[in-house]
Amino acid sequence: MTIVGVVCIVVGLMLSFTLAMGLRSILCVVLFLYHLGASFLYWRYSELQPADAMGYYNAPPESFALEPGSAFVQWLTASIRVLTGASFLDMFLLFHIAGYVGVVVLYELCRRMLMREAEQTDEQPSYLVYLIVFLPGVHVWTSGVGKDALVFLGILTFMWGVSRPQVALGYLVAGLSLCFMIRPHIATLLAGSCGVALVLSSGVRLHWRLTISLGLVGAIVLTVPYLKEFLKLEDLSSTGVMDYMGKRQGQTLDGGSGVEISSYPFPLKFLTFLYRPLFFDANGILALVVSVENLIYLVISLLYLPRALGVLINGENTFFLRFNLVYWLLGASILAGSTSNLGLAIRQKMMVLPAFIMLALAGYAKERSRAQPAELAPAQ
C-alpha cells in the first residue's frame, strides 16, 4: 500500500462519518469498516487466483479508450495508476468507496421502504435489514477493481432517483450515465423498466409519466444501434437474441463452476441463476458461504415475495415497486438466459439483487404492519 491507499482509507472514513451524520445512523461507519475488510479480502483473493481485477490493473497504456464497456474500466484504472502510481491494493481501496456508497444507498432505501410500507413515521429496528446489508456477497463483489462496484453504484443511484416522492431526474441521469459507460445493456434495461412502470402506475401524475416516458423512449432509441454493436448482435429479432444467448452460454462454461443450462427449461434457468450454487454445488469454503446466502434469499423469496405482489395489486402509489418488479423480472430473465457459469452468476446477480430486496422488504413491511396492532393492543 502506498500513500494513495492511505488517502483512500482516510477519505472513505470521513465520508462514512458524514453519511452517518446526514442519515443519523452510526451503522454507516460500521458498514464502511466491514466493506473495507471485504476489499482487503477480495484483493488477497485476486492475488492468489486468476481474476479480472488483475487484468484491469495491468492493462497497457495503449489500451486506453474512453468508450463503454471493459475499455472504460481499463481506461479509468490505467489513467489513475499512471497519474498517481497507485498499487494494486490502492486501486481496490479506491474502487471499494464506490461500492460502499452503493451499499449505504441500499441501506437507506431499505429503511425508507420499511417506514413507508408499514406506514410508520419513525424508524423501528429490523433484523432483516441488518442481515441483508451485512451479507458478505453484497460487500465482497462490490469492493474490487472492475465493473461490479461502479455498476452497483449506478444502479442504486438510479433507484434512489426513482424512489423519490417526485422523481429526481438528476439521479436518474447520473445512474444511467454510469451504467451506460460500464454495461450499456443494463442502462437500457433500467430505462425501459422505468418507462414500463410509469405506464402501469396510476399514482404518478400524468405530466411526469409523459415527460419521463418520452425521454426514456428517446434514450432507448438512440442507444439501440450502439447496443447492437456492443453486444455483437446481428439484429434485435428473437432469432438474433437467441443466437447471442447461445454464444454467451458457450463462452461462460470455462472454469470449474461451469454448469450447462442450455438444455434447461426456462423456469429452471431462472431459479439456477437466482438461488444457486446451493450446498449440493459446493466444492469449497467460498461455495459454502455463497450457498448460505442463496439459502437466505430463497427463504426470503418464499416468505415475502407473495406478500409483495399483494402490495402491488392493492397499493395506491406503487411506482417504485412496479419499477423494481419489472427490472428484477426482465433483468434476471435476460441474465439467466445468457449466463451458465455459477461463478459469473454470483457476481452478475448483484445487478438485480437490489430490486429483489426492495420487493421482499415491501412484503415484509406489510406483514409486520398487520401484526403490529395485535402486539400493541392493551391486555384485557
Protein backbone atom coordinates (compact mmCIF):
# COMPACT_ATOMS: atom_id res chain seq x y z
CA MET A 1 0.00 0.00 0.00
CA THR A 2 1.24 3.49 -0.87
CA ILE A 3 0.15 6.94 0.28
CA VAL A 4 -2.66 6.70 -2.30
CA GLY A 5 -4.20 3.80 -0.38
CA VAL A 6 -3.86 5.63 2.93
CA VAL A 7 -5.61 8.67 1.46
CA CYS A 8 -8.42 6.44 0.14
CA ILE A 9 -8.97 4.95 3.60
CA VAL A 10 -8.97 8.38 5.29
CA VAL A 11 -11.31 9.90 2.69
CA GLY A 12 -13.62 6.89 2.88
CA LEU A 13 -13.69 7.06 6.68
CA MET A 14 -14.51 10.77 6.61
CA LEU A 15 -17.23 10.10 4.06
CA SER A 16 -18.71 7.39 6.29
CA PHE A 17 -18.91 9.81 9.25
CA THR A 18 -20.52 12.43 7.01
CA LEU A 19 -23.12 9.94 5.81
CA ALA A 20 -23.68 8.75 9.39
CA MET A 21 -24.49 12.30 10.49
CA GLY A 22 -26.64 13.00 7.45
CA LEU A 23 -28.64 9.78 7.74
CA ARG A 24 -28.49 9.73 11.56
CA SER A 25 -27.16 6.20 11.63
CA ILE A 26 -23.77 5.15 13.01
CA LEU A 27 -24.25 1.97 11.01
CA CYS A 28 -22.82 3.86 8.01
CA VAL A 29 -19.41 3.82 9.71
CA VAL A 30 -19.74 0.14 10.61
CA LEU A 31 -20.66 -0.65 7.02
CA PHE A 32 -17.56 1.21 5.80
CA LEU A 33 -15.25 -0.81 8.04
CA TYR A 34 -16.98 -4.02 7.02
CA HIS A 35 -16.74 -3.11 3.33
CA LEU A 36 -13.09 -2.15 3.77
CA GLY A 37 -12.39 -5.59 5.24
CA ALA A 38 -14.16 -7.19 2.28
CA SER A 39 -11.95 -5.16 -0.07
CA PHE A 40 -8.79 -6.45 1.60
CA LEU A 41 -10.17 -10.00 1.36
CA TYR A 42 -11.03 -9.63 -2.33
CA TRP A 43 -7.61 -8.08 -3.03
CA ARG A 44 -5.86 -11.05 -1.43
CA TYR A 45 -8.06 -13.49 -3.32
CA SER A 46 -7.29 -11.70 -6.62
CA GLU A 47 -3.58 -12.06 -5.98
CA LEU A 48 -3.86 -15.80 -5.39
CA GLN A 49 -6.44 -16.70 -8.05
CA PRO A 50 -6.95 -15.55 -11.67
CA ALA A 51 -9.24 -12.52 -11.54
CA ASP A 52 -10.49 -9.77 -13.85
CA ALA A 53 -9.13 -7.17 -11.42
CA MET A 54 -5.52 -8.02 -12.25
CA GLY A 55 -6.25 -7.71 -15.96
CA TYR A 56 -7.77 -4.26 -15.49
CA TYR A 57 -4.85 -3.10 -13.38
CA ASN A 58 -2.18 -4.40 -15.74
CA ALA A 59 -3.84 -3.05 -18.88
CA PRO A 60 -1.09 -1.46 -21.02
CA PRO A 61 -1.28 2.28 -21.77
CA GLU A 62 -2.07 1.63 -25.41
CA SER A 63 -5.38 0.03 -24.36
CA PHE A 64 -6.66 3.43 -23.12
CA ALA A 65 -10.06 4.07 -24.69
CA LEU A 66 -12.82 6.25 -23.36
CA GLU A 67 -15.66 4.09 -24.62
CA PRO A 68 -18.33 2.00 -22.86
CA GLY A 69 -17.65 -1.49 -21.55
CA SER A 70 -14.44 -3.07 -20.32
CA ALA A 71 -12.44 -0.46 -22.22
CA PHE A 72 -13.82 2.27 -19.96
CA VAL A 73 -12.79 0.43 -16.78
CA GLN A 74 -9.34 -0.20 -18.29
CA TRP A 75 -9.03 3.47 -19.23
CA LEU A 76 -10.13 4.60 -15.76
CA THR A 77 -7.86 2.16 -13.92
CA ALA A 78 -4.82 2.76 -16.10
CA SER A 79 -5.29 6.55 -16.00
CA ILE A 80 -5.38 6.58 -12.20
CA ARG A 81 -2.45 4.16 -11.98
CA VAL A 82 -0.27 6.26 -14.31
CA LEU A 83 -1.31 9.56 -12.71
CA THR A 84 -0.85 8.54 -9.06
CA GLY A 85 1.41 5.49 -9.13
CA ALA A 86 -1.26 3.54 -7.23
CA SER A 87 -0.52 -0.07 -6.35
CA PHE A 88 -2.90 -2.96 -6.97
CA LEU A 89 -4.13 -2.71 -3.36
CA ASP A 90 -4.52 1.06 -3.66
CA MET A 91 -6.88 0.60 -6.61
CA PHE A 92 -9.01 -1.80 -4.58
CA LEU A 93 -9.24 0.76 -1.78
CA LEU A 94 -10.36 3.37 -4.31
CA PHE A 95 -12.94 1.25 -6.13
CA HIS A 96 -14.35 -0.03 -2.86
CA ILE A 97 -15.53 3.50 -2.00
CA ALA A 98 -17.94 3.39 -4.95
CA GLY A 99 -19.28 0.04 -3.82
CA TYR A 100 -19.57 1.27 -0.24
CA VAL A 101 -21.66 4.30 -1.26
CA GLY A 102 -23.92 1.90 -3.18
CA VAL A 103 -24.35 -0.24 -0.06
CA VAL A 104 -25.25 2.85 2.02
CA VAL A 105 -27.86 3.88 -0.56
CA LEU A 106 -29.25 0.34 -0.45
CA TYR A 107 -29.41 0.51 3.36
CA GLU A 108 -31.23 3.84 3.31
CA LEU A 109 -33.68 2.57 0.67
CA CYS A 110 -34.37 -0.43 2.91
CA ARG A 111 -35.08 1.82 5.91
CA ARG A 112 -37.41 4.05 3.92
CA MET A 113 -39.20 1.07 2.42
CA LEU A 114 -39.99 -0.27 5.88
CA MET A 115 -41.28 3.08 7.13
CA ARG A 116 -43.36 3.77 4.01
CA GLU A 117 -44.96 0.36 3.54
CA ALA A 118 -45.54 -0.15 7.28
CA GLU A 119 -46.99 3.40 7.44
CA GLN A 120 -44.63 4.46 10.21
CA THR A 121 -43.31 7.96 10.91
CA ASP A 122 -40.26 6.78 12.83
CA GLU A 123 -37.76 4.02 12.23
CA GLN A 124 -38.03 0.71 14.06
CA PRO A 125 -35.10 -1.71 14.05
CA SER A 126 -35.34 -4.59 11.64
CA TYR A 127 -33.03 -7.56 11.90
CA LEU A 128 -33.90 -8.49 8.32
CA VAL A 129 -32.42 -5.21 7.04
CA TYR A 130 -29.30 -5.71 9.13
CA LEU A 131 -28.98 -9.26 7.81
CA ILE A 132 -29.28 -8.11 4.19
CA VAL A 133 -26.79 -5.23 4.36
CA PHE A 134 -24.19 -7.39 6.10
CA LEU A 135 -24.35 -10.38 3.76
CA PRO A 136 -20.73 -10.97 2.66
CA GLY A 137 -21.52 -11.19 -1.05
CA VAL A 138 -23.05 -7.71 -1.15
CA HIS A 139 -19.73 -6.32 0.08
CA VAL A 140 -17.12 -8.61 -1.49
CA TRP A 141 -18.33 -8.36 -5.09
CA THR A 142 -18.71 -4.57 -4.87
CA SER A 143 -15.32 -3.90 -3.28
CA GLY A 144 -12.84 -4.75 -6.04
CA VAL A 145 -11.28 -3.30 -9.16
CA GLY A 146 -13.62 -3.83 -12.09
CA LYS A 147 -17.14 -3.23 -13.32
CA ASP A 148 -19.13 -4.52 -10.37
CA ALA A 149 -18.58 -1.74 -7.82
CA LEU A 150 -19.25 1.03 -10.35
CA VAL A 151 -22.33 -0.51 -11.95
CA PHE A 152 -23.72 -1.35 -8.49
CA LEU A 153 -23.40 2.33 -7.55
CA GLY A 154 -25.01 3.34 -10.85
CA ILE A 155 -27.99 1.05 -10.32
CA LEU A 156 -28.54 2.26 -6.75
CA THR A 157 -28.22 5.90 -7.83
CA PHE A 158 -30.92 5.34 -10.44
CA MET A 159 -33.11 3.54 -7.89
CA TRP A 160 -32.66 6.43 -5.46
CA GLY A 161 -33.96 8.81 -8.10
CA VAL A 162 -36.94 6.57 -8.83
CA SER A 163 -37.79 6.26 -5.13
CA ARG A 164 -38.16 10.00 -4.51
CA PRO A 165 -41.71 11.38 -3.97
CA GLN A 166 -41.11 13.48 -7.10
CA VAL A 167 -38.81 11.53 -9.38
CA ALA A 168 -35.33 13.13 -9.29
CA LEU A 169 -34.11 13.46 -12.87
CA GLY A 170 -30.57 14.30 -11.76
CA TYR A 171 -30.13 10.96 -10.03
CA LEU A 172 -31.72 9.14 -12.98
CA VAL A 173 -29.30 10.74 -15.44
CA ALA A 174 -26.28 10.14 -13.19
CA GLY A 175 -27.18 6.49 -12.60
CA LEU A 176 -27.93 5.82 -16.26
CA SER A 177 -24.72 7.53 -17.39
CA LEU A 178 -22.55 5.49 -15.04
CA CYS A 179 -24.24 2.22 -16.01
CA PHE A 180 -24.04 3.09 -19.72
CA MET A 181 -20.29 3.59 -19.55
CA ILE A 182 -19.84 0.16 -17.97
CA ARG A 183 -22.73 -2.05 -19.09
CA PRO A 184 -24.91 -0.28 -21.69
CA HIS A 185 -27.46 -3.12 -21.73
CA ILE A 186 -28.09 -2.59 -18.01
CA ALA A 187 -28.64 1.14 -18.57
CA THR A 188 -31.14 0.31 -21.33
CA LEU A 189 -32.87 -2.19 -19.06
CA LEU A 190 -33.15 0.37 -16.25
CA ALA A 191 -34.62 2.97 -18.58
CA GLY A 192 -37.03 0.50 -20.16
CA SER A 193 -38.20 -0.80 -16.78
CA CYS A 194 -38.80 2.74 -15.57
CA GLY A 195 -40.85 3.50 -18.66
CA VAL A 196 -42.99 0.38 -18.25
CA ALA A 197 -43.53 1.15 -14.56
CA LEU A 198 -44.61 4.70 -15.42
CA VAL A 199 -47.18 3.46 -17.89
CA LEU A 200 -48.56 0.99 -15.33
CA SER A 201 -48.62 3.35 -12.32
CA SER A 202 -51.76 5.43 -11.88
CA GLY A 203 -50.28 7.07 -8.78
CA VAL A 204 -47.78 9.06 -10.84
CA ARG A 205 -49.02 12.36 -12.25
CA LEU A 206 -49.78 12.29 -15.94
CA HIS A 207 -47.33 15.03 -16.94
CA TRP A 208 -44.49 13.19 -15.19
CA ARG A 209 -45.44 9.95 -16.92
CA LEU A 210 -45.49 11.60 -20.33
CA THR A 211 -42.30 13.62 -19.84
CA ILE A 212 -40.15 10.82 -18.43
CA SER A 213 -41.59 8.17 -20.74
CA LEU A 214 -40.80 10.28 -23.82
CA GLY A 215 -37.32 10.97 -22.55
CA LEU A 216 -36.62 7.33 -21.79
CA VAL A 217 -38.05 6.15 -25.12
CA GLY A 218 -35.83 8.64 -26.92
CA ALA A 219 -32.80 7.46 -24.96
CA ILE A 220 -33.55 3.81 -25.77
CA VAL A 221 -33.99 4.58 -29.48
CA LEU A 222 -30.65 6.37 -29.56
CA THR A 223 -28.99 3.54 -27.63
CA VAL A 224 -30.25 0.58 -29.68
CA PRO A 225 -27.79 0.93 -32.60
CA TYR A 226 -24.84 1.12 -30.24
CA LEU A 227 -26.24 -1.71 -28.11
CA LYS A 228 -26.37 -3.99 -31.15
CA GLU A 229 -22.73 -3.26 -31.88
CA PHE A 230 -21.67 -3.58 -28.23
CA LEU A 231 -23.34 -6.99 -27.80
CA LYS A 232 -22.33 -8.12 -31.30
CA LEU A 233 -25.97 -8.70 -32.24
CA GLU A 234 -26.73 -9.09 -35.93
CA ASP A 235 -30.29 -7.95 -35.27
CA LEU A 236 -32.74 -7.50 -32.39
CA SER A 237 -35.15 -10.15 -33.59
CA SER A 238 -35.96 -13.16 -31.42
CA THR A 239 -33.60 -15.27 -33.53
CA GLY A 240 -30.74 -12.81 -33.13
CA VAL A 241 -31.22 -12.60 -29.37
CA MET A 242 -31.40 -16.39 -29.01
CA ASP A 243 -28.21 -16.77 -31.06
CA TYR A 244 -26.50 -14.25 -28.78
CA MET A 245 -27.61 -16.10 -25.64
CA GLY A 246 -26.40 -19.37 -27.09
CA LYS A 247 -22.96 -17.87 -27.70
CA ARG A 248 -22.88 -16.43 -24.17
CA GLN A 249 -23.72 -19.80 -22.65
CA GLY A 250 -20.87 -21.37 -24.51
CA GLN A 251 -18.42 -18.62 -23.59
CA THR A 252 -19.10 -18.84 -19.86
CA LEU A 253 -18.65 -22.57 -19.46
CA ASP A 254 -14.93 -22.34 -18.75
CA GLY A 255 -13.73 -22.92 -15.20
CA GLY A 256 -14.72 -25.36 -12.51
CA SER A 257 -18.03 -23.66 -11.77
CA GLY A 258 -19.47 -24.09 -15.27
CA VAL A 259 -22.95 -25.61 -15.35
CA GLU A 260 -24.54 -26.48 -18.66
CA ILE A 261 -28.01 -24.87 -18.66
CA SER A 262 -28.72 -24.54 -22.37
CA SER A 263 -30.96 -27.60 -22.21
CA TYR A 264 -32.77 -26.44 -19.05
CA PRO A 265 -36.36 -25.25 -19.33
CA PHE A 266 -36.58 -21.51 -18.69
CA PRO A 267 -38.01 -21.74 -15.13
CA LEU A 268 -35.05 -23.91 -14.12
CA LYS A 269 -32.60 -21.49 -15.74
CA PHE A 270 -34.23 -18.65 -13.80
CA LEU A 271 -34.05 -20.48 -10.47
CA THR A 272 -30.49 -21.63 -11.13
CA PHE A 273 -29.38 -18.05 -11.67
CA LEU A 274 -31.14 -16.73 -8.57
CA TYR A 275 -30.55 -19.44 -5.99
CA ARG A 276 -27.50 -21.48 -6.97
CA PRO A 277 -24.95 -22.55 -6.00
CA LEU A 278 -26.58 -24.33 -3.10
CA PHE A 279 -24.94 -26.82 -0.81
CA PHE A 280 -25.06 -29.68 -3.33
CA ASP A 281 -22.98 -27.48 -5.70
CA ALA A 282 -20.42 -26.50 -3.06
CA ASN A 283 -16.84 -27.57 -3.75
CA GLY A 284 -15.05 -25.33 -1.24
CA ILE A 285 -15.39 -22.82 1.59
CA LEU A 286 -16.32 -19.96 -0.74
CA ALA A 287 -19.08 -22.01 -2.35
CA LEU A 288 -20.41 -22.92 1.12
CA VAL A 289 -20.60 -19.24 2.12
CA VAL A 290 -22.40 -18.38 -1.11
CA SER A 291 -24.76 -21.34 -0.55
CA VAL A 292 -25.75 -19.93 2.84
CA GLU A 293 -26.50 -16.57 1.22
CA ASN A 294 -28.55 -18.18 -1.53
CA LEU A 295 -30.49 -20.15 1.05
CA ILE A 296 -31.32 -16.86 2.80
CA TYR A 297 -32.50 -15.37 -0.50
CA LEU A 298 -34.62 -18.45 -1.15
CA VAL A 299 -36.27 -18.29 2.28
CA ILE A 300 -36.92 -14.54 1.90
CA SER A 301 -38.48 -15.18 -1.51
CA LEU A 302 -40.85 -17.82 -0.19
CA LEU A 303 -41.86 -15.76 2.84
CA TYR A 304 -42.25 -12.26 1.45
CA LEU A 305 -42.45 -12.12 -2.36
CA PRO A 306 -46.08 -13.32 -2.42
CA ARG A 307 -46.96 -10.54 0.03
CA ALA A 308 -45.11 -8.02 -2.17
CA LEU A 309 -47.33 -8.97 -5.10
CA GLY A 310 -50.34 -8.24 -2.89
CA VAL A 311 -48.90 -4.82 -2.08
CA LEU A 312 -48.51 -4.12 -5.81
CA ILE A 313 -52.06 -5.18 -6.58
CA ASN A 314 -53.69 -3.28 -3.70
CA GLY A 315 -51.30 -0.35 -3.26
CA GLU A 316 -52.24 3.18 -4.26
CA ASN A 317 -48.79 4.55 -5.03
CA THR A 318 -46.56 1.71 -6.14
CA PHE A 319 -44.47 3.21 -8.95
CA PHE A 320 -41.21 2.38 -7.19
CA LEU A 321 -42.29 -1.20 -6.54
CA ARG A 322 -43.55 -1.64 -10.08
CA PHE A 323 -40.20 -0.46 -11.40
CA ASN A 324 -38.39 -2.95 -9.17
CA LEU A 325 -40.66 -5.80 -10.21
CA VAL A 326 -40.23 -5.09 -13.94
CA TYR A 327 -36.47 -4.59 -13.62
CA TRP A 328 -35.98 -7.70 -11.49
CA LEU A 329 -38.03 -9.96 -13.75
CA LEU A 330 -36.55 -8.68 -17.01
CA GLY A 331 -33.00 -8.44 -15.70
CA ALA A 332 -32.97 -11.86 -14.06
CA SER A 333 -34.58 -13.43 -17.13
CA ILE A 334 -32.04 -11.95 -19.55
CA LEU A 335 -29.04 -12.71 -17.35
CA ALA A 336 -30.29 -16.21 -16.57
CA GLY A 337 -30.62 -16.92 -20.29
CA SER A 338 -27.09 -15.78 -21.07
CA THR A 339 -25.08 -16.96 -18.05
CA SER A 340 -24.19 -20.58 -17.36
CA ASN A 341 -21.12 -20.24 -15.14
CA LEU A 342 -22.16 -20.12 -11.50
CA GLY A 343 -19.10 -18.05 -10.65
CA LEU A 344 -20.25 -15.34 -13.07
CA ALA A 345 -23.85 -15.74 -11.93
CA ILE A 346 -22.87 -14.92 -8.35
CA ARG A 347 -21.44 -11.58 -9.45
CA GLN A 348 -24.00 -10.73 -12.11
CA LYS A 349 -26.81 -11.36 -9.66
CA MET A 350 -25.64 -8.22 -7.84
CA MET A 351 -27.15 -6.20 -10.69
CA VAL A 352 -30.71 -7.34 -9.92
CA LEU A 353 -30.33 -8.05 -6.21
CA PRO A 354 -31.29 -4.50 -5.04
CA ALA A 355 -34.63 -4.74 -6.87
CA PHE A 356 -35.30 -8.15 -5.32
CA ILE A 357 -34.52 -6.76 -1.86
CA MET A 358 -36.95 -3.85 -2.31
CA LEU A 359 -39.74 -6.23 -3.32
CA ALA A 360 -39.08 -8.61 -0.45
CA LEU A 361 -38.93 -5.78 2.10
CA ALA A 362 -42.23 -4.37 0.86
CA GLY A 363 -43.84 -7.73 1.61
CA TYR A 364 -42.06 -7.99 4.95
CA ALA A 365 -43.10 -4.46 5.98
CA LYS A 366 -46.73 -5.07 5.10
CA GLU A 367 -46.76 -8.28 7.11
CA ARG A 368 -45.15 -6.55 10.08
CA SER A 369 -47.60 -3.66 9.94
CA ARG A 370 -50.53 -6.08 10.06
CA ALA A 371 -49.08 -7.91 13.04
CA GLN A 372 -48.27 -4.70 14.93
CA PRO A 373 -51.77 -3.75 16.15
CA ALA A 374 -52.19 -7.13 17.82
CA GLU A 375 -48.80 -6.77 19.52
CA LEU A 376 -49.60 -3.26 20.76
CA ALA A 377 -53.13 -3.99 21.88
CA PRO A 378 -53.56 -3.50 25.68
CA ALA A 379 -54.12 -6.55 27.79
CA GLN A 380 -57.72 -7.09 28.91
